[in-house]
C-alpha cells in the first residue's frame, strides 16, 4: 500500500459517497486508476465495508456505555462472540487484557434499556460480573488515521 492508497482511504473515510472523478482530482490520478485501486483495496480486505455514520441521539440511542465483563474462564471463543452479537444494543465487543475479560460498547435509548442489556449479559455463559462506565459527553470519535501511520510490517519509506 503506497501513499496514494492511503490518501484514497482517508478521503473515503471522510466521505465515501465521493465519485471516483473527485477522488482522482485529489490524488492526481485518472478516475479509472482510482476505481482500480479501490477495487484492489476491497479485494485485499483493507476496505472492509462502506457505511454511514449516524448520530446516535438522532435515532434514539443517546445513552453510551462501556461495560467491562468479568468471567470465570476464557471467553474468547465463537460461542461468546455469537452470544454478544445476539444482543442488539452491543455495538462492539473485544477480548481484553487486564482485570476484565471482555469489553463491550453499548448504546441504548434509556438507562432502563441499559439495565436490561446488563441483565442479558449475565445470561452469557461464563459471565461472573460487570463494571459499567456511562459516557456523559463525547468530545469526538475519529476514524483510523491511515495517512500518518505506516501499516504493520512496513517502514516509513516502504511502498
Protein backbone atom coordinates (compact mmCIF):
# COMPACT_ATOMS: atom_id res chain seq x y z
CA UNK A 1 0.00 0.00 0.00
CA UNK A 2 1.50 3.31 -1.03
CA UNK A 3 0.80 6.91 -0.05
CA UNK A 4 -1.79 7.31 -2.84
CA UNK A 5 -3.76 4.34 -1.47
CA UNK A 6 -3.60 5.93 1.98
CA UNK A 7 -4.86 9.26 0.59
CA UNK A 8 -7.74 7.45 -1.12
CA UNK A 9 -8.60 5.66 2.12
CA UNK A 10 -8.51 8.91 4.10
CA UNK A 11 -10.82 10.60 1.61
CA UNK A 12 -13.24 7.66 1.58
CA UNK A 13 -13.33 7.72 5.38
CA UNK A 14 -14.16 11.42 5.23
CA UNK A 15 -16.90 10.91 2.59
CA UNK A 16 -17.44 7.52 0.98
CA UNK A 17 -20.03 8.95 -1.42
CA UNK A 18 -17.45 10.88 -3.44
CA UNK A 19 -17.35 9.94 -7.11
CA UNK A 20 -14.13 8.44 -8.44
CA UNK A 21 -13.63 11.60 -10.52
CA UNK A 22 -13.47 13.74 -7.35
CA UNK A 23 -11.09 11.29 -5.67
CA UNK A 24 -8.95 11.27 -8.82
CA UNK A 25 -8.55 15.06 -8.70
CA UNK A 26 -7.49 14.92 -5.06
CA UNK A 27 -4.87 12.19 -5.51
CA UNK A 28 -3.72 13.15 -9.01
CA UNK A 29 -4.81 10.02 -10.91
CA UNK A 30 -7.44 9.20 -13.50
CA UNK A 31 -10.89 8.08 -12.29
CA UNK A 32 -10.23 4.63 -13.77
CA UNK A 33 -6.97 4.28 -11.85
CA UNK A 34 -8.69 5.30 -8.60
CA UNK A 35 -11.51 2.82 -9.26
CA UNK A 36 -8.95 0.04 -9.79
CA UNK A 37 -7.10 0.93 -6.58
CA UNK A 38 -10.35 0.91 -4.59
CA UNK A 39 -11.26 -2.47 -6.10
CA UNK A 40 -7.87 -3.88 -5.06
CA UNK A 41 -8.19 -2.41 -1.55
CA UNK A 42 -11.55 -4.19 -1.21
CA UNK A 43 -10.11 -7.44 -2.60
CA UNK A 44 -7.25 -7.37 -0.11
CA UNK A 45 -9.63 -6.72 2.78
CA UNK A 46 -8.26 -3.26 3.54
CA UNK A 47 -11.70 -1.76 2.87
CA UNK A 48 -13.97 -3.99 4.90
CA UNK A 49 -17.29 -2.28 4.17
CA UNK A 50 -18.79 1.04 3.17
CA UNK A 51 -21.16 2.51 5.73
CA UNK A 52 -22.78 5.70 7.01
CA UNK A 53 -22.13 7.39 10.35
CA UNK A 54 -25.41 8.14 12.11
CA UNK A 55 -25.91 10.48 15.05
CA UNK A 56 -26.92 8.04 17.84
CA UNK A 57 -29.06 10.61 19.68
CA UNK A 58 -30.99 11.40 16.48
CA UNK A 59 -32.11 7.77 16.24
CA UNK A 60 -32.88 7.27 19.91
CA UNK A 61 -29.59 5.76 21.07
CA UNK A 62 -28.23 8.60 23.19
CA UNK A 63 -27.04 6.53 26.17
CA UNK A 64 -23.47 5.30 25.59
CA UNK A 65 -21.80 2.89 28.00
CA UNK A 66 -18.67 0.77 28.07
CA UNK A 67 -19.02 -2.45 30.01
CA UNK A 68 -16.10 -4.44 31.38
CA UNK A 69 -17.12 -8.08 31.71
CA UNK A 70 -15.54 -10.46 34.20
CA UNK A 71 -15.63 -14.18 33.57
CA UNK A 72 -14.75 -17.39 35.35
CA UNK A 73 -13.00 -18.81 32.29
CA UNK A 74 -11.60 -17.82 28.88
CA UNK A 75 -14.31 -16.10 26.82
CA UNK A 76 -12.50 -15.61 23.51
CA UNK A 77 -14.40 -18.27 21.58
CA UNK A 78 -17.07 -18.25 18.90
CA UNK A 79 -19.83 -19.11 21.41
CA UNK A 80 -19.15 -15.91 23.34
CA UNK A 81 -18.93 -13.83 20.16
CA UNK A 82 -22.29 -15.17 18.96
CA UNK A 83 -23.95 -14.61 22.35
CA UNK A 84 -22.77 -11.00 22.48
CA UNK A 85 -23.66 -10.35 18.84
CA UNK A 86 -27.21 -11.52 19.59
CA UNK A 87 -27.72 -8.54 21.94
CA UNK A 88 -28.71 -5.70 19.58
CA UNK A 89 -27.62 -2.83 21.85
CA UNK A 90 -23.99 -4.05 21.81
CA UNK A 91 -22.11 -2.18 19.07
CA UNK A 92 -18.63 -3.57 19.70
CA UNK A 93 -17.17 -6.48 21.65
CA UNK A 94 -13.49 -7.04 22.42
CA UNK A 95 -11.43 -9.63 24.29
CA UNK A 96 -9.12 -7.57 26.51
CA UNK A 97 -6.09 -8.00 28.73
CA UNK A 98 -6.25 -6.77 32.31
CA UNK A 99 -8.65 -7.15 35.19
CA UNK A 100 -11.63 -7.83 32.90
CA UNK A 101 -12.02 -10.46 30.19
CA UNK A 102 -14.22 -8.59 27.71
CA UNK A 103 -15.11 -5.00 26.86
CA UNK A 104 -18.35 -4.11 25.09
CA UNK A 105 -19.66 -0.81 23.78
CA UNK A 106 -23.39 -0.40 24.34
CA UNK A 107 -25.81 2.21 23.01
CA UNK A 108 -29.38 2.40 24.29
CA UNK A 109 -32.25 4.85 24.36
CA UNK A 110 -32.63 4.93 28.15
CA UNK A 111 -30.82 3.86 31.28
CA UNK A 112 -33.60 1.31 31.82
CA UNK A 113 -32.71 -0.24 28.46
CA UNK A 114 -29.06 -0.21 29.52
CA UNK A 115 -30.01 -2.07 32.68
CA UNK A 116 -31.90 -4.67 30.60
CA UNK A 117 -28.78 -5.12 28.46
CA UNK A 118 -26.67 -5.66 31.58
CA UNK A 119 -29.12 -8.33 32.72
CA UNK A 120 -28.80 -10.05 29.32
CA UNK A 121 -25.02 -10.09 29.71
CA UNK A 122 -25.40 -12.31 32.76
CA UNK A 123 -27.18 -14.86 30.54
CA UNK A 124 -23.95 -15.27 28.54
CA UNK A 125 -22.24 -18.46 29.76
CA UNK A 126 -19.19 -17.70 31.91
CA UNK A 127 -20.03 -14.10 32.83
CA UNK A 128 -19.47 -13.53 36.55
CA UNK A 129 -19.69 -9.75 36.81
CA UNK A 130 -19.69 -6.40 35.05
CA UNK A 131 -18.45 -2.89 35.59
CA UNK A 132 -20.23 -0.20 33.61
CA UNK A 133 -18.93 3.21 32.61
CA UNK A 134 -21.57 5.59 31.23
CA UNK A 135 -20.29 8.33 28.93
CA UNK A 136 -21.80 11.71 29.76
CA UNK A 137 -20.42 13.52 26.71
CA UNK A 138 -18.42 12.53 23.65
CA UNK A 139 -15.85 15.08 22.55
CA UNK A 140 -15.03 13.25 19.33
CA UNK A 141 -14.73 9.87 17.63
CA UNK A 142 -12.26 9.63 14.80
CA UNK A 143 -11.59 7.13 12.04
CA UNK A 144 -8.27 5.32 11.76
CA UNK A 145 -5.51 7.69 10.60
CA UNK A 146 -4.34 5.80 7.53
CA UNK A 147 -2.08 8.57 6.22
CA UNK A 148 0.17 9.37 9.20
CA UNK A 149 0.97 5.87 10.42
CA UNK A 150 2.58 3.04 8.46
CA UNK A 151 0.74 -0.26 8.20
CA UNK A 152 2.19 -3.08 10.29
CA UNK A 153 5.15 -4.66 8.58
CA UNK A 154 6.10 -1.60 6.57
CA UNK A 155 8.51 1.23 7.23
CA UNK A 156 8.01 4.91 6.54
CA UNK A 157 9.81 4.75 3.21
CA UNK A 158 8.39 1.37 2.05
CA UNK A 159 5.94 1.20 -0.82
